[in-house]
Protein backbone atom coordinates (compact mmCIF):
# COMPACT_ATOMS: atom_id res chain seq x y z
CA MET A 1 -71.43 -91.31 -8.93
CA ALA A 2 -74.85 -93.91 -8.16
CA SER A 3 -73.80 -97.60 -8.05
CA GLU A 4 -75.73 -99.82 -10.36
CA LYS A 5 -77.35 -102.16 -7.40
CA ARG A 6 -77.09 -101.92 -3.83
CA PRO A 7 -74.40 -104.40 -2.39
CA ARG A 8 -75.59 -107.53 -0.65
CA GLY A 9 -76.82 -107.79 2.59
CA ARG A 10 -78.00 -105.08 4.96
CA PRO A 11 -76.78 -101.83 5.30
CA PRO A 12 -74.46 -101.01 8.42
CA LYS A 13 -76.23 -99.34 11.22
CA TYR A 14 -75.50 -95.48 11.93
CA PRO A 15 -77.02 -93.38 14.05
CA PRO A 16 -79.39 -90.38 12.17
CA THR A 17 -76.52 -87.83 11.83
CA GLU A 18 -74.06 -89.88 10.52
CA VAL A 19 -76.34 -91.41 7.91
CA ARG A 20 -76.78 -87.57 7.16
CA GLN A 21 -73.36 -86.70 6.67
CA ARG A 22 -72.61 -89.86 4.69
CA LEU A 23 -75.62 -89.23 2.23
CA ILE A 24 -74.14 -85.61 1.64
CA ASP A 25 -70.51 -86.51 1.47
CA ALA A 26 -71.78 -89.14 -1.30
CA ALA A 27 -73.65 -86.18 -3.26
CA ILE A 28 -70.48 -84.33 -3.09
CA ALA A 29 -68.52 -87.42 -4.64
CA THR A 30 -70.94 -87.69 -7.27
CA LEU A 31 -70.77 -83.74 -8.19
CA ARG A 32 -66.85 -84.14 -8.04
CA ILE A 33 -67.17 -86.69 -10.91
CA SER A 34 -70.33 -85.23 -12.90
CA GLY A 35 -69.77 -81.57 -12.47
CA VAL A 36 -72.74 -78.98 -12.04
CA GLU A 37 -72.93 -77.75 -15.75
CA SER A 38 -76.69 -79.63 -15.84
CA GLY A 39 -77.61 -78.64 -12.27
CA LEU A 40 -77.94 -80.65 -9.43
CA ASP A 41 -79.51 -83.60 -11.70
CA ALA A 42 -76.55 -85.93 -10.83
CA VAL A 43 -77.62 -85.56 -6.98
CA THR A 44 -80.22 -87.84 -6.10
CA LEU A 45 -81.41 -89.57 -3.06
CA ASP A 46 -81.94 -92.64 -3.85
CA GLY A 47 -78.50 -93.04 -5.50
CA ALA A 48 -76.71 -91.43 -2.30
CA ILE A 49 -78.16 -93.97 -0.16
CA ILE A 50 -76.88 -96.85 -2.57
CA ASP A 51 -73.21 -95.17 -2.60
CA ALA A 52 -73.31 -94.31 1.38
CA ASP A 53 -74.78 -97.98 2.10
CA VAL A 54 -77.49 -96.62 4.29
CA PRO A 55 -80.88 -97.62 5.22
CA ARG A 56 -83.53 -96.41 2.86
CA GLY A 57 -86.21 -95.47 5.69
CA MET A 58 -84.18 -93.62 7.87
CA SER A 59 -82.79 -91.80 4.75
CA TYR A 60 -86.00 -90.37 3.61
CA LYS A 61 -87.30 -89.53 7.21
CA ILE A 62 -83.90 -87.50 7.69
CA TRP A 63 -84.88 -85.17 4.32
CA ARG A 64 -88.67 -84.76 5.27
CA GLU A 65 -88.43 -80.99 6.23
CA GLY A 66 -91.15 -78.56 5.45
CA ASP A 67 -92.60 -78.44 2.28
CA GLU A 68 -89.87 -79.99 0.43
CA THR A 69 -89.96 -83.15 -0.83
CA PRO A 70 -86.95 -85.36 0.17
CA GLN A 71 -85.02 -84.96 -2.76
CA ASP A 72 -85.33 -81.44 -3.08
CA ALA A 73 -84.60 -80.89 0.86
CA PHE A 74 -81.22 -83.23 0.07
CA ARG A 75 -80.20 -81.45 -2.76
CA ARG A 76 -80.42 -77.82 -0.64
CA ALA A 77 -78.69 -79.38 2.06
CA THR A 78 -75.65 -80.56 0.11
CA VAL A 79 -75.80 -77.04 -1.73
CA LEU A 80 -75.72 -75.26 1.60
CA GLU A 81 -72.55 -77.66 3.29
CA LEU A 82 -70.49 -76.82 -0.02
CA LEU A 83 -71.39 -73.21 0.38
CA ALA A 84 -70.73 -72.94 4.27
CA ILE A 85 -67.34 -74.14 4.51
CA PRO A 86 -65.69 -73.80 1.09
CA ALA A 87 -62.56 -75.25 -0.02
CA VAL A 88 -59.53 -73.88 1.37
CA ALA A 89 -57.82 -75.24 -1.85
CA GLY A 90 -54.90 -76.89 -0.83
CA LEU A 91 -53.92 -74.21 2.07
CA PRO A 92 -52.81 -77.21 4.88
CA ALA A 93 -50.71 -78.25 1.76
CA THR A 94 -48.95 -74.99 1.17
CA ARG A 95 -48.55 -74.62 5.20
CA GLU A 96 -46.32 -77.72 5.04
CA TYR A 97 -44.65 -76.79 1.91
CA THR A 98 -44.17 -73.12 3.52
CA THR A 99 -42.76 -74.55 6.77
CA ARG A 100 -40.42 -76.97 4.65
CA GLN A 101 -39.12 -73.50 2.65
CA LEU A 102 -38.66 -71.56 5.70
CA ASP A 103 -36.68 -74.57 7.16
CA VAL A 104 -34.48 -74.49 3.90
CA GLN A 105 -33.74 -70.71 3.81
CA ARG A 106 -33.60 -70.37 7.84
CA GLU A 107 -29.68 -69.06 7.63
CA ALA A 108 -30.75 -66.63 4.83
CA LEU A 109 -33.64 -65.18 6.19
CA ARG A 110 -31.51 -64.96 9.65
CA SER A 111 -29.09 -62.61 7.83
CA ASP A 112 -28.09 -59.43 8.93
CA ASN A 113 -27.52 -58.30 5.39
CA LEU A 114 -30.92 -57.09 4.52
CA ASP A 115 -30.17 -57.56 0.68
CA ILE A 116 -29.64 -61.26 1.43
CA ARG A 117 -32.81 -61.37 3.76
CA LYS A 118 -34.84 -59.65 1.17
CA ASP A 119 -33.84 -61.97 -1.60
CA ALA A 120 -34.89 -65.21 0.56
CA ILE A 121 -38.03 -63.65 1.42
CA ILE A 122 -38.94 -63.12 -2.23
CA GLY A 123 -37.86 -66.36 -3.36
CA LEU A 124 -40.24 -67.60 -0.66
CA ILE A 125 -42.80 -65.65 -2.03
CA ARG A 126 -42.48 -66.67 -5.21
CA ASP A 127 -42.26 -70.64 -4.47
CA VAL A 128 -45.41 -70.38 -2.00
CA GLY A 129 -47.34 -68.39 -4.43
CA GLU A 130 -46.80 -71.25 -7.34
CA PHE A 131 -47.64 -73.50 -4.82
CA ASN A 132 -50.79 -72.69 -3.53
CA HIS A 133 -51.96 -71.46 -7.14
CA GLN A 134 -51.56 -74.61 -8.46
CA ALA A 135 -53.04 -76.09 -5.70
CA LEU A 136 -56.22 -73.90 -6.13
CA ALA A 137 -56.42 -74.63 -9.74
CA GLU A 138 -56.22 -78.05 -9.66
CA SER A 139 -59.14 -78.62 -6.75
CA ALA A 140 -61.67 -80.31 -7.28
CA ASN A 141 -63.46 -78.74 -4.43
CA TRP A 142 -62.96 -75.38 -5.33
CA LYS A 143 -64.26 -75.81 -8.61
CA LEU A 144 -67.70 -77.18 -7.45
CA TYR A 145 -67.57 -74.28 -5.03
CA SER A 146 -66.98 -71.83 -7.18
CA ALA A 147 -69.66 -72.95 -9.80
CA LEU A 148 -72.33 -73.20 -7.14
CA ARG A 149 -71.52 -69.94 -5.97
CA SER A 150 -71.97 -68.68 -9.46
CA ALA A 151 -75.41 -70.21 -9.85
CA ALA A 152 -76.77 -68.97 -6.17
CA ILE A 153 -75.58 -65.09 -6.52
CA THR A 154 -76.97 -65.07 -10.42
CA ARG A 155 -80.40 -66.61 -9.33
CA PRO A 156 -83.18 -63.16 -9.04
CA ASP A 157 -84.92 -65.47 -6.13
CA ALA A 158 -81.91 -66.23 -4.25
CA ASP A 159 -82.51 -68.52 -1.19
CA PRO A 160 -81.92 -66.51 1.87
CA ALA A 161 -80.21 -69.79 3.42
CA VAL A 162 -77.85 -70.02 0.60
CA LEU A 163 -76.89 -66.28 0.73
CA ASP A 164 -75.94 -66.48 4.28
CA ALA A 165 -74.06 -69.86 4.16
CA LEU A 166 -71.95 -68.01 1.45
CA THR A 167 -71.20 -65.13 3.54
CA LYS A 168 -70.30 -67.33 6.52
CA GLY A 169 -67.98 -69.43 4.06
CA GLU A 170 -66.36 -66.56 2.61
CA ASP A 171 -65.75 -65.06 6.08
CA TYR A 172 -64.49 -68.49 7.17
CA LEU A 173 -62.00 -68.77 4.05
CA ILE A 174 -60.41 -64.98 4.65
CA ARG A 175 -60.19 -65.82 8.39
CA GLU A 176 -58.08 -69.05 7.45
CA TYR A 177 -56.04 -67.12 4.67
CA SER A 178 -55.43 -64.38 7.24
CA ASP A 179 -54.17 -66.79 9.82
CA PHE A 180 -51.79 -68.39 7.31
CA TYR A 181 -50.18 -64.92 6.29
CA ALA A 182 -49.90 -63.91 9.91
CA GLU A 183 -47.82 -66.57 10.51
CA ILE A 184 -45.58 -66.38 7.52
CA SER A 185 -44.88 -62.25 8.14
CA SER A 186 -44.17 -63.12 11.73
CA ALA A 187 -41.66 -65.47 10.61
CA LEU A 188 -40.18 -63.43 7.71
CA GLY A 189 -40.10 -60.41 10.20
CA LEU A 190 -42.47 -58.29 7.96
CA LYS A 191 -44.93 -55.98 10.06
CA LEU A 192 -48.20 -55.15 8.55
CA ARG A 193 -48.81 -51.34 7.78
CA ALA A 194 -50.58 -49.51 10.24
CA GLU A 195 -53.22 -48.40 7.42
CA PHE A 196 -53.94 -51.96 6.64
CA GLU A 197 -55.82 -55.15 8.29
CA MET A 198 -54.42 -58.59 7.56
CA ASP A 199 -57.97 -59.53 6.44
CA GLN A 200 -57.70 -57.03 3.58
CA PHE A 201 -54.35 -58.13 2.38
CA SER A 202 -55.74 -61.68 2.29
CA ALA A 203 -59.16 -61.27 0.42
CA ALA A 204 -56.78 -59.03 -2.16
CA ALA A 205 -54.77 -61.90 -2.58
CA TYR A 206 -57.25 -64.65 -2.51
CA SER A 207 -59.37 -62.74 -4.91
CA ILE A 208 -56.42 -62.44 -7.58
CA ASN A 209 -55.43 -66.06 -6.90
CA GLU A 210 -59.20 -67.24 -7.74
CA GLY A 211 -59.47 -64.85 -10.59
CA LEU A 212 -56.23 -66.08 -11.97
CA ALA A 213 -57.15 -69.81 -11.63
CA MET A 214 -60.48 -69.04 -13.29
CA ARG A 215 -58.74 -67.69 -16.66
CA LEU A 216 -58.95 -70.20 -19.30
CA ALA A 217 -57.69 -68.25 -22.16
CA SER A 218 -54.30 -68.48 -23.62
CA SER A 219 -53.57 -65.31 -25.26
CA TYR A 220 -51.55 -64.04 -22.15
CA ARG A 221 -48.75 -66.20 -20.12
CA GLN A 222 -49.34 -67.25 -16.15
CA THR A 223 -46.18 -69.51 -15.90
CA GLY A 224 -42.72 -69.69 -16.76
CA ILE A 225 -42.50 -65.65 -16.27
CA ILE A 226 -38.30 -64.85 -16.45
CA ARG A 227 -37.56 -61.69 -14.68
CA ALA A 228 -34.46 -59.38 -14.83
CA GLY A 229 -31.91 -60.85 -12.52
CA SER A 230 -33.29 -64.08 -12.17
CA ASP A 231 -33.35 -67.20 -13.90
CA ALA A 232 -35.90 -68.69 -11.72
CA PRO A 233 -39.52 -69.06 -13.20
CA TRP A 234 -42.60 -67.02 -11.63
CA THR A 235 -46.30 -67.47 -12.03
CA LEU A 236 -48.31 -64.25 -12.81
CA PHE A 237 -49.69 -64.81 -9.19
CA ALA A 238 -46.40 -65.13 -7.35
CA VAL A 239 -45.72 -61.85 -9.37
CA SER A 240 -49.14 -60.30 -8.07
CA LEU A 241 -48.61 -61.56 -4.21
CA GLU A 242 -45.04 -60.15 -4.24
CA ALA A 243 -46.67 -56.76 -5.43
CA LEU A 244 -49.13 -56.96 -2.50
CA VAL A 245 -46.60 -57.62 -0.26
CA PHE A 246 -44.52 -54.62 -1.07
CA HIS A 247 -47.52 -52.50 -0.42
CA PHE A 248 -48.83 -53.80 2.60
CA PHE A 249 -45.94 -54.43 4.49
CA ASP A 250 -43.06 -52.59 5.88
CA TRP A 251 -39.55 -54.86 5.55
CA ALA A 252 -37.61 -54.41 8.92
């Protein structure tokens, strides 16, 4: 959120490219605090200049684009930045967590006994699914992305540049998840069935995860599901992820 007043002294000198990025980062930080319920009113170029501690003159010069005012150009660039590369919602942390879990379950995953190996795989799906769902649901960046995406696609006069950023951003997101799931399936000895592609699995899994993370209703239970034959609790997303794995992959 914008500071009350500029810090004393002259702002540090930065090249224009860094000034531009610092301003956008400041705007995104403001949106994390204020949200987007009332639009982008909380994002102002003057406020970002203070928060980013950059020169005012250079900042206004950077955002003089076409017929737009510097304020409008700045807001538009902030939206494009958020939409072009959506939050991967804890995916790096999920990778690290998965690596640790693979190490813990190494002996069981290498067992010649298919039942032992299958139980270990199912347990890993449960734990990783729960971890990633929690990371998504708690991600401030993902919430911002989702709100801006919804606002963008419902406008009758949707900006082509915004729609293009959304398309590229979603492609990037699915690629990141595809790489992640390809690594896991290879480590677990699972083979993707010939009729499917990894991008399809990733899109299905992420869509379910995203849809569940958006639900606010308390009329159904998303966590603490105890299944027959297991004392470990499951999340609804982990149950869904397991079902997808059974349909998309062959168990060697």
